[in-house]
Amino acid sequence: MDRKKCEAILEAILFTMGESVEISRLASVLEMDKKEVKDILKGMQTRYEEEERGIVLMWYEDSVQLSTRADLYEYLIKIAKTPKKMVLSDTVLETLSIVAYKQPVTRLEIEKIRGVSCDFAINKLLEYELITELGRKDAPGRPLLFGTTEQFLRCFGVASINELPELSAMQLEEFKQQAEAEAGLMQVDNEVEV
């Protein structure tokens, strides 16, 4: 099969799927090895960029997705419904950062780090599809393990969790102090209710 036909097939698949597709699946469809498919995709990506097309190829670890160019969003919102915005409170963001940096992690491990219950934050992150259940830990009670999703990578503009910035000791201390302050506020609220 010639390269032009392969590009057309890849473009059709990615357009139709509307979400990321593993490169191994694309290679299987084209009956080629992954390296050949990656080379074709990189060529498509370069051409899209050079021609300033309205679409781009986004890479997420071992998958790829056809997406709208980010700088054209303002034109899309004029014709499409405005998407629902995620509202991430400080509590939810802190929980998400713990999951991102410590994954796979259990609810109890998150609560030990934060010092407070994290049920609401975990449920919100699951609802927004920023984290997912990865399975169960081989420990008493077999607690659920959580990790970030491809949606997390998309939202934060990274291709892999390896691209997340390193946390400094000072940032870790700030997280700890904020969690302790929040735990102290919850303690005061509970005493007032009694």
Protein backbone atom coordinates (compact mmCIF):
# COMPACT_ATOMS: atom_id res chain seq x y z
CA MET A 1 0.00 0.00 0.00
CA ASP A 2 1.42 3.42 -0.89
CA ARG A 3 2.06 6.15 1.69
CA LYS A 4 -0.72 8.44 0.44
CA LYS A 5 -3.31 5.66 0.87
CA CYS A 6 -1.96 4.90 4.38
CA GLU A 7 -2.27 8.58 5.33
CA ALA A 8 -5.85 8.67 4.04
CA ILE A 9 -6.74 5.56 6.07
CA LEU A 10 -5.11 6.93 9.24
CA GLU A 11 -6.82 10.30 8.82
CA ALA A 12 -10.22 8.62 8.28
CA ILE A 13 -9.81 6.41 11.35
CA LEU A 14 -8.66 9.25 13.61
CA PHE A 15 -11.38 11.60 12.36
CA THR A 16 -14.11 9.00 12.82
CA MET A 17 -12.95 7.84 16.26
CA GLY A 18 -12.85 11.38 17.67
CA GLU A 19 -10.60 10.19 20.47
CA SER A 20 -7.10 8.83 20.75
CA VAL A 21 -6.25 5.51 19.14
CA GLU A 22 -3.31 3.29 20.12
CA ILE A 23 -0.58 3.23 17.52
CA SER A 24 -0.47 -0.57 17.83
CA ARG A 25 -4.13 -0.75 16.71
CA LEU A 26 -3.41 1.54 13.76
CA ALA A 27 -0.42 -0.64 12.81
CA SER A 28 -2.62 -3.72 12.98
CA VAL A 29 -5.23 -2.20 10.66
CA LEU A 30 -2.59 -1.18 8.14
CA GLU A 31 -0.70 -4.46 8.57
CA MET A 32 2.52 -2.53 9.21
CA ASP A 33 4.90 -2.27 12.13
CA LYS A 34 4.53 0.52 14.68
CA LYS A 35 7.68 2.33 13.54
CA GLU A 36 6.36 2.67 9.97
CA VAL A 37 3.02 3.96 11.25
CA LYS A 38 4.75 6.47 13.55
CA ASP A 39 6.83 7.73 10.61
CA ILE A 40 3.67 8.24 8.51
CA LEU A 41 1.92 10.01 11.41
CA LYS A 42 4.93 12.29 11.98
CA GLY A 43 4.86 13.19 8.28
CA MET A 44 1.15 14.00 8.52
CA GLN A 45 1.79 16.09 11.65
CA THR A 46 4.54 18.07 9.90
CA ARG A 47 2.36 18.70 6.85
CA TYR A 48 -0.59 19.85 9.00
CA GLU A 49 1.72 22.32 10.75
CA GLU A 50 3.43 23.57 7.59
CA GLU A 51 0.11 24.09 5.79
CA GLU A 52 -1.38 25.72 8.92
CA ARG A 53 -4.34 23.36 8.71
CA GLY A 54 -7.25 23.48 11.15
CA ILE A 55 -6.30 20.11 12.60
CA VAL A 56 -3.28 18.77 14.44
CA LEU A 57 -2.08 15.37 15.60
CA MET A 58 -1.81 15.10 19.38
CA TRP A 59 0.45 12.42 20.86
CA TYR A 60 -0.39 10.75 24.19
CA GLU A 61 2.20 8.17 25.24
CA ASP A 62 1.39 5.25 22.86
CA SER A 63 -1.63 6.75 21.12
CA VAL A 64 -2.50 9.60 18.79
CA GLN A 65 -5.56 11.78 18.24
CA LEU A 66 -6.74 14.12 15.52
CA SER A 67 -7.72 17.42 17.17
CA THR A 68 -8.68 20.98 16.30
CA ARG A 69 -5.85 23.50 16.43
CA ALA A 70 -6.00 25.24 19.82
CA ASP A 71 -5.71 28.77 18.41
CA LEU A 72 -8.93 28.27 16.42
CA TYR A 73 -11.10 27.59 19.48
CA GLU A 74 -12.59 31.09 19.49
CA TYR A 75 -14.16 30.38 16.07
CA LEU A 76 -15.53 27.02 17.17
CA ILE A 77 -17.37 28.47 20.15
CA LYS A 78 -19.23 30.80 17.81
CA ILE A 79 -20.88 27.83 16.14
CA ALA A 80 -20.81 25.10 18.76
CA LYS A 81 -22.24 25.03 22.24
CA THR A 82 -19.77 26.18 24.86
CA PRO A 83 -18.42 23.09 26.58
CA LYS A 84 -19.04 22.58 30.28
CA LYS A 85 -16.12 23.99 32.21
CA MET A 86 -14.52 22.04 34.98
CA VAL A 87 -14.32 23.84 38.27
CA LEU A 88 -11.46 22.48 40.31
CA SER A 89 -11.35 23.76 43.85
CA ASP A 90 -8.06 23.86 45.76
CA THR A 91 -9.06 20.65 47.55
CA VAL A 92 -9.78 18.85 44.26
CA LEU A 93 -6.55 20.17 42.69
CA GLU A 94 -4.48 19.04 45.67
CA THR A 95 -6.03 15.59 45.49
CA LEU A 96 -5.40 15.46 41.74
CA SER A 97 -1.75 16.42 42.22
CA ILE A 98 -1.30 13.66 44.79
CA VAL A 99 -2.79 11.12 42.39
CA ALA A 100 -0.65 12.42 39.51
CA TYR A 101 2.62 12.25 41.42
CA LYS A 102 2.00 9.15 43.56
CA GLN A 103 0.00 6.93 41.19
CA PRO A 104 -1.13 4.25 41.55
CA VAL A 105 -2.44 5.41 44.92
CA THR A 106 -5.30 4.39 47.24
CA ARG A 107 -7.88 6.65 48.86
CA LEU A 108 -6.31 5.96 52.28
CA GLU A 109 -2.85 6.95 51.03
CA ILE A 110 -4.28 10.22 49.66
CA GLU A 111 -6.03 10.89 52.98
CA LYS A 112 -2.79 10.22 54.90
CA ILE A 113 -1.00 12.83 52.80
CA ARG A 114 -3.82 15.40 52.97
CA GLY A 115 -4.81 14.64 56.54
CA VAL A 116 -8.52 14.86 55.70
CA SER A 117 -11.21 12.85 53.93
CA CYS A 118 -10.99 13.02 50.15
CA ASP A 119 -14.25 11.31 49.11
CA PHE A 120 -15.72 14.44 47.51
CA ALA A 121 -12.52 15.28 45.63
CA ILE A 122 -12.05 11.74 44.30
CA ASN A 123 -15.68 11.55 43.18
CA LYS A 124 -15.36 14.92 41.40
CA LEU A 125 -12.14 13.81 39.66
CA LEU A 126 -13.79 10.56 38.57
CA GLU A 127 -16.79 12.55 37.26
CA TYR A 128 -14.48 14.81 35.23
CA GLU A 129 -12.61 11.71 34.02
CA LEU A 130 -9.29 13.13 35.22
CA ILE A 131 -8.59 9.99 37.28
CA THR A 132 -9.70 6.39 36.94
CA GLU A 133 -9.70 3.18 38.94
CA LEU A 134 -6.62 1.17 37.96
CA GLY A 135 -7.47 -1.98 39.88
CA ARG A 136 -7.02 -3.11 43.44
CA LYS A 137 -3.98 -3.09 45.72
CA ASP A 138 -2.73 -6.45 46.92
CA ALA A 139 -3.31 -5.58 50.58
CA PRO A 140 -5.93 -6.30 53.25
CA GLY A 141 -9.34 -5.09 52.09
CA ARG A 142 -8.04 -4.86 48.49
CA PRO A 143 -8.46 -1.05 48.26
CA LEU A 144 -8.97 0.60 44.88
CA LEU A 145 -5.96 2.14 43.16
CA PHE A 146 -6.33 5.45 41.32
CA GLY A 147 -4.30 6.99 38.52
CA THR A 148 -4.61 9.79 35.99
CA THR A 149 -6.29 9.42 32.60
CA GLU A 150 -5.63 10.55 29.07
CA GLN A 151 -8.20 13.30 29.72
CA PHE A 152 -5.86 14.56 32.49
CA LEU A 153 -2.99 14.71 29.98
CA ARG A 154 -5.19 16.62 27.52
CA CYS A 155 -6.43 19.12 30.11
CA PHE A 156 -2.97 19.90 31.39
CA GLY A 157 -1.27 19.94 28.00
CA VAL A 158 1.24 17.14 28.56
CA ALA A 159 1.86 14.05 26.48
CA SER A 160 2.95 11.89 29.41
CA ILE A 161 3.02 12.04 33.21
CA ASN A 162 6.80 12.09 32.85
CA GLU A 163 6.43 15.69 31.61
CA LEU A 164 4.93 16.87 34.90
CA PRO A 165 7.17 19.39 36.67
CA GLU A 166 9.24 18.23 39.63
CA LEU A 167 7.83 19.24 43.01
CA SER A 168 10.24 21.09 45.25
CA ALA A 169 10.53 20.38 48.96
CA MET A 170 9.00 23.83 49.58
CA GLN A 171 5.91 22.99 47.49
CA LEU A 172 5.48 19.69 49.33
CA GLU A 173 5.67 21.54 52.66
CA GLU A 174 3.06 24.06 51.44
CA PHE A 175 0.71 21.18 50.50
CA LYS A 176 1.20 19.68 53.95
CA GLN A 177 0.52 23.01 55.71
CA GLN A 178 -2.62 23.64 53.63
CA ALA A 179 -3.92 20.15 54.40
CA GLU A 180 -3.18 20.61 58.13
CA ALA A 181 -4.96 23.99 58.11
CA GLU A 182 -7.94 22.42 56.36
CA ALA A 183 -7.98 19.56 58.90
CA GLY A 184 -7.87 22.14 61.72
CA LEU A 185 -10.85 24.00 60.23
CA MET A 186 -12.81 20.76 59.94
CA GLN A 187 -11.99 19.94 63.59
CA VAL A 188 -13.29 23.39 64.70
CA ASP A 189 -16.46 22.96 62.60
CA ASN A 190 -17.13 19.55 64.17
CA GLU A 191 -16.66 20.94 67.69
CA VAL A 192 -19.09 23.83 66.95
CA GLU A 193 -21.75 21.39 65.64
CA VAL A 194 -21.60 19.32 68.88
